[in-house]
């Protein structure tokens, strides 16, 4: 399982943010999509990540909700490629406390995202192909 390529478990076409969106708009987008981290993309290329923590910090510091994503996003982002192994993602999640990793090609074009939950779900499904609890509501 840990030797599978990330592309096999990543979310393709994830919800993304634009650097020119306001933090209020992105906050609404995160709530609607139930996501806590979004890649920030321009013309298909990864520019950074915006997290619920970034939004909380900006508002806590007294910045207005009309401030733009580019002013609060993280630009130094660890990223992986579709061919990287699930084990690499798992190690990054465990070591750096990341929750979401953008998956990019060699041209820095966003191809998807992989989350710590994706890795857990993959490991669980390998061990238990049929849900052992909550069989009526658990989705594969």
C-alpha atoms as a PDB file:
ATOM      1  CA  UNK A   1       0.000   0.000   0.000  1.00  0.00           C
ATOM      2  CA  UNK A   2       2.755   2.455   0.877  1.00  0.00           C
ATOM      3  CA  UNK A   3       4.396   1.713  -2.494  1.00  0.00           C
ATOM      4  CA  UNK A   4       1.321   2.770  -4.470  1.00  0.00           C
ATOM      5  CA  UNK A   5       1.637   6.004  -6.411  1.00  0.00           C
ATOM      6  CA  UNK A   6      -0.041   9.045  -4.886  1.00  0.00           C
ATOM      7  CA  UNK A   7      -2.097   9.453  -8.078  1.00  0.00           C
ATOM      8  CA  UNK A   8      -4.070   6.351  -7.060  1.00  0.00           C
ATOM      9  CA  UNK A   9      -5.485   8.009  -3.926  1.00  0.00           C
ATOM     10  CA  UNK A  10      -5.322  11.761  -4.634  1.00  0.00           C
ATOM     11  CA  UNK A  11      -8.328  13.971  -5.227  1.00  0.00           C
ATOM     12  CA  UNK A  12      -8.249  15.178  -8.807  1.00  0.00           C
ATOM     13  CA  UNK A  13      -9.712  18.621  -9.610  1.00  0.00           C
ATOM     14  CA  UNK A  14      -9.756  19.863  -6.006  1.00  0.00           C
ATOM     15  CA  UNK A  15     -11.439  23.050  -4.885  1.00  0.00           C
ATOM     16  CA  UNK A  16      -8.910  25.861  -5.311  1.00  0.00           C
ATOM     17  CA  UNK A  17      -8.546  29.506  -4.361  1.00  0.00           C
ATOM     18  CA  UNK A  18      -7.285  32.474  -6.340  1.00  0.00           C
ATOM     19  CA  UNK A  19      -4.713  34.873  -4.881  1.00  0.00           C
ATOM     20  CA  UNK A  20      -7.055  37.800  -5.594  1.00  0.00           C
ATOM     21  CA  UNK A  21     -10.033  36.407  -3.704  1.00  0.00           C
ATOM     22  CA  UNK A  22     -10.761  38.037  -0.365  1.00  0.00           C
ATOM     23  CA  UNK A  23     -10.251  36.071   2.803  1.00  0.00           C
ATOM     24  CA  UNK A  24     -13.984  36.428   3.394  1.00  0.00           C
ATOM     25  CA  UNK A  25     -14.731  34.773   0.029  1.00  0.00           C
ATOM     26  CA  UNK A  26     -12.268  31.963   0.699  1.00  0.00           C
ATOM     27  CA  UNK A  27     -13.632  31.460   4.191  1.00  0.00           C
ATOM     28  CA  UNK A  28     -17.094  30.946   2.670  1.00  0.00           C
ATOM     29  CA  UNK A  29     -15.614  28.609   0.037  1.00  0.00           C
ATOM     30  CA  UNK A  30     -13.907  26.532   2.729  1.00  0.00           C
ATOM     31  CA  UNK A  31     -17.119  26.257   4.713  1.00  0.00           C
ATOM     32  CA  UNK A  32     -19.159  25.289   1.633  1.00  0.00           C
ATOM     33  CA  UNK A  33     -16.635  22.656   0.534  1.00  0.00           C
ATOM     34  CA  UNK A  34     -15.856  21.560   4.119  1.00  0.00           C
ATOM     35  CA  UNK A  35     -12.120  21.976   3.467  1.00  0.00           C
ATOM     36  CA  UNK A  36      -9.531  23.459   5.813  1.00  0.00           C
ATOM     37  CA  UNK A  37      -6.722  23.880   3.284  1.00  0.00           C
ATOM     38  CA  UNK A  38      -6.971  24.984  -0.338  1.00  0.00           C
ATOM     39  CA  UNK A  39      -4.323  25.232  -3.027  1.00  0.00           C
ATOM     40  CA  UNK A  40      -3.926  28.736  -4.426  1.00  0.00           C
ATOM     41  CA  UNK A  41      -3.695  28.513  -8.194  1.00  0.00           C
ATOM     42  CA  UNK A  42      -3.143  30.872 -11.143  1.00  0.00           C
ATOM     43  CA  UNK A  43      -3.508  29.516 -14.679  1.00  0.00           C
ATOM     44  CA  UNK A  44      -3.295  25.959 -13.366  1.00  0.00           C
ATOM     45  CA  UNK A  45      -0.011  26.557 -11.520  1.00  0.00           C
ATOM     46  CA  UNK A  46       0.388  26.228  -7.754  1.00  0.00           C
ATOM     47  CA  UNK A  47       1.191  29.545  -6.070  1.00  0.00           C
ATOM     48  CA  UNK A  48       0.682  28.516  -2.448  1.00  0.00           C
ATOM     49  CA  UNK A  49      -1.792  27.184   0.097  1.00  0.00           C
ATOM     50  CA  UNK A  50      -4.387  28.981   2.172  1.00  0.00           C
ATOM     51  CA  UNK A  51      -5.478  27.344   5.414  1.00  0.00           C
ATOM     52  CA  UNK A  52      -8.146  27.969   7.995  1.00  0.00           C
ATOM     53  CA  UNK A  53      -5.259  28.817  10.332  1.00  0.00           C
ATOM     54  CA  UNK A  54      -4.073  31.533   7.900  1.00  0.00           C
ATOM     55  CA  UNK A  55      -7.589  32.988   7.889  1.00  0.00           C
ATOM     56  CA  UNK A  56      -7.903  32.795  11.661  1.00  0.00           C
ATOM     57  CA  UNK A  57      -4.519  34.442  12.128  1.00  0.00           C
ATOM     58  CA  UNK A  58      -5.325  37.272   9.689  1.00  0.00           C
ATOM     59  CA  UNK A  59      -8.603  38.102  11.393  1.00  0.00           C
ATOM     60  CA  UNK A  60      -7.073  37.694  14.852  1.00  0.00           C
ATOM     61  CA  UNK A  61      -4.398  40.238  13.914  1.00  0.00           C
ATOM     62  CA  UNK A  62      -7.150  42.672  13.011  1.00  0.00           C
ATOM     63  CA  UNK A  63      -6.911  42.519   9.232  1.00  0.00           C
ATOM     64  CA  UNK A  64     -10.162  43.144   7.406  1.00  0.00           C
ATOM     65  CA  UNK A  65     -11.991  40.329   5.686  1.00  0.00           C
ATOM     66  CA  UNK A  66     -11.508  42.187   2.393  1.00  0.00           C
ATOM     67  CA  UNK A  67      -7.767  41.393   2.551  1.00  0.00           C
ATOM     68  CA  UNK A  68      -6.698  39.167  -0.351  1.00  0.00           C
ATOM     69  CA  UNK A  69      -5.535  35.572  -0.180  1.00  0.00           C
ATOM     70  CA  UNK A  70      -2.115  36.513  -1.595  1.00  0.00           C
ATOM     71  CA  UNK A  71      -1.505  38.612   1.522  1.00  0.00           C
ATOM     72  CA  UNK A  72      -1.972  35.739   3.975  1.00  0.00           C
ATOM     73  CA  UNK A  73      -1.322  32.492   2.067  1.00  0.00           C
ATOM     74  CA  UNK A  74       1.666  30.251   2.618  1.00  0.00           C
ATOM     75  CA  UNK A  75       4.021  30.339  -0.360  1.00  0.00           C
ATOM     76  CA  UNK A  76       6.677  27.896   0.851  1.00  0.00           C
ATOM     77  CA  UNK A  77       4.693  24.744   0.250  1.00  0.00           C
ATOM     78  CA  UNK A  78       5.909  21.167   0.331  1.00  0.00           C
ATOM     79  CA  UNK A  79       4.536  19.428  -2.741  1.00  0.00           C
ATOM     80  CA  UNK A  80       4.698  15.963  -4.222  1.00  0.00           C
ATOM     81  CA  UNK A  81       4.250  14.501  -7.701  1.00  0.00           C
ATOM     82  CA  UNK A  82       1.652  12.002  -8.910  1.00  0.00           C
ATOM     83  CA  UNK A  83       4.366   9.324  -9.131  1.00  0.00           C
ATOM     84  CA  UNK A  84       5.590   9.798  -5.555  1.00  0.00           C
ATOM     85  CA  UNK A  85       4.671   6.965  -3.223  1.00  0.00           C
ATOM     86  CA  UNK A  86       1.861   6.996  -0.678  1.00  0.00           C
ATOM     87  CA  UNK A  87       4.546   6.222   1.895  1.00  0.00           C
ATOM     88  CA  UNK A  88       6.269   9.509   1.052  1.00  0.00           C
ATOM     89  CA  UNK A  89       3.044  11.387   1.719  1.00  0.00           C
ATOM     90  CA  UNK A  90       2.528   9.440   4.956  1.00  0.00           C
ATOM     91  CA  UNK A  91       6.046  10.294   6.122  1.00  0.00           C
ATOM     92  CA  UNK A  92       5.502  13.992   5.371  1.00  0.00           C
ATOM     93  CA  UNK A  93       2.202  13.984   7.238  1.00  0.00           C
ATOM     94  CA  UNK A  94       3.802  12.305  10.266  1.00  0.00           C
ATOM     95  CA  UNK A  95       7.013  14.337  10.244  1.00  0.00           C
ATOM     96  CA  UNK A  96       5.804  17.840   9.393  1.00  0.00           C
ATOM     97  CA  UNK A  97       2.233  17.760  10.653  1.00  0.00           C
ATOM     98  CA  UNK A  98       0.813  18.634   7.235  1.00  0.00           C
ATOM     99  CA  UNK A  99      -2.815  17.813   6.553  1.00  0.00           C
ATOM    100  CA  UNK A 100      -2.932  18.413   2.791  1.00  0.00           C
ATOM    101  CA  UNK A 101      -0.218  18.103   0.162  1.00  0.00           C
ATOM    102  CA  UNK A 102      -0.619  19.561  -3.320  1.00  0.00           C
ATOM    103  CA  UNK A 103       0.251  17.139  -6.107  1.00  0.00           C
ATOM    104  CA  UNK A 104       1.987  18.865  -9.024  1.00  0.00           C
ATOM    105  CA  UNK A 105       3.748  17.859 -12.222  1.00  0.00           C
ATOM    106  CA  UNK A 106       7.252  18.964 -13.197  1.00  0.00           C
ATOM    107  CA  UNK A 107       5.808  22.262 -14.519  1.00  0.00           C
ATOM    108  CA  UNK A 108       4.246  23.024 -11.117  1.00  0.00           C
ATOM    109  CA  UNK A 109       0.753  22.471 -12.541  1.00  0.00           C
ATOM    110  CA  UNK A 110      -1.697  21.307  -9.897  1.00  0.00           C
ATOM    111  CA  UNK A 111      -2.898  17.767 -10.601  1.00  0.00           C
ATOM    112  CA  UNK A 112      -4.649  17.129  -7.309  1.00  0.00           C
ATOM    113  CA  UNK A 113      -4.274  17.008  -3.557  1.00  0.00           C
ATOM    114  CA  UNK A 114      -3.666  14.203  -1.123  1.00  0.00           C
ATOM    115  CA  UNK A 115      -4.719  14.439   2.493  1.00  0.00           C
ATOM    116  CA  UNK A 116      -3.758  12.570   5.616  1.00  0.00           C
ATOM    117  CA  UNK A 117      -7.295  11.176   5.571  1.00  0.00           C
ATOM    118  CA  UNK A 118      -6.697   9.763   2.050  1.00  0.00           C
ATOM    119  CA  UNK A 119      -3.694   7.819   3.385  1.00  0.00           C
ATOM    120  CA  UNK A 120      -5.623   6.551   6.424  1.00  0.00           C
ATOM    121  CA  UNK A 121      -8.554   5.533   4.232  1.00  0.00           C
ATOM    122  CA  UNK A 122      -6.221   3.710   1.811  1.00  0.00           C
ATOM    123  CA  UNK A 123      -4.559   1.790   4.645  1.00  0.00           C
ATOM    124  CA  UNK A 124      -7.894   0.950   6.248  1.00  0.00           C
ATOM    125  CA  UNK A 125      -9.439  -0.235   2.981  1.00  0.00           C
ATOM    126  CA  UNK A 126      -6.468  -2.510   2.313  1.00  0.00           C
ATOM    127  CA  UNK A 127      -6.817  -4.148   5.706  1.00  0.00           C
ATOM    128  CA  UNK A 128     -10.625  -4.121   5.745  1.00  0.00           C
ATOM    129  CA  UNK A 129     -12.102  -4.098   2.221  1.00  0.00           C
ATOM    130  CA  UNK A 130     -15.558  -4.341   3.773  1.00  0.00           C
ATOM    131  CA  UNK A 131     -16.314  -1.792   6.517  1.00  0.00           C
ATOM    132  CA  UNK A 132     -16.328  -3.290   9.997  1.00  0.00           C
ATOM    133  CA  UNK A 133     -18.335  -0.499  11.645  1.00  0.00           C
ATOM    134  CA  UNK A 134     -21.074   1.757  10.347  1.00  0.00           C
ATOM    135  CA  UNK A 135     -21.505  -0.420   7.278  1.00  0.00           C
ATOM    136  CA  UNK A 136     -24.634   1.453   6.239  1.00  0.00           C
ATOM    137  CA  UNK A 137     -22.934   4.877   6.101  1.00  0.00           C
ATOM    138  CA  UNK A 138     -19.244   4.230   5.399  1.00  0.00           C
ATOM    139  CA  UNK A 139     -18.210   5.173   1.876  1.00  0.00           C
ATOM    140  CA  UNK A 140     -15.302   3.681  -0.026  1.00  0.00           C
END
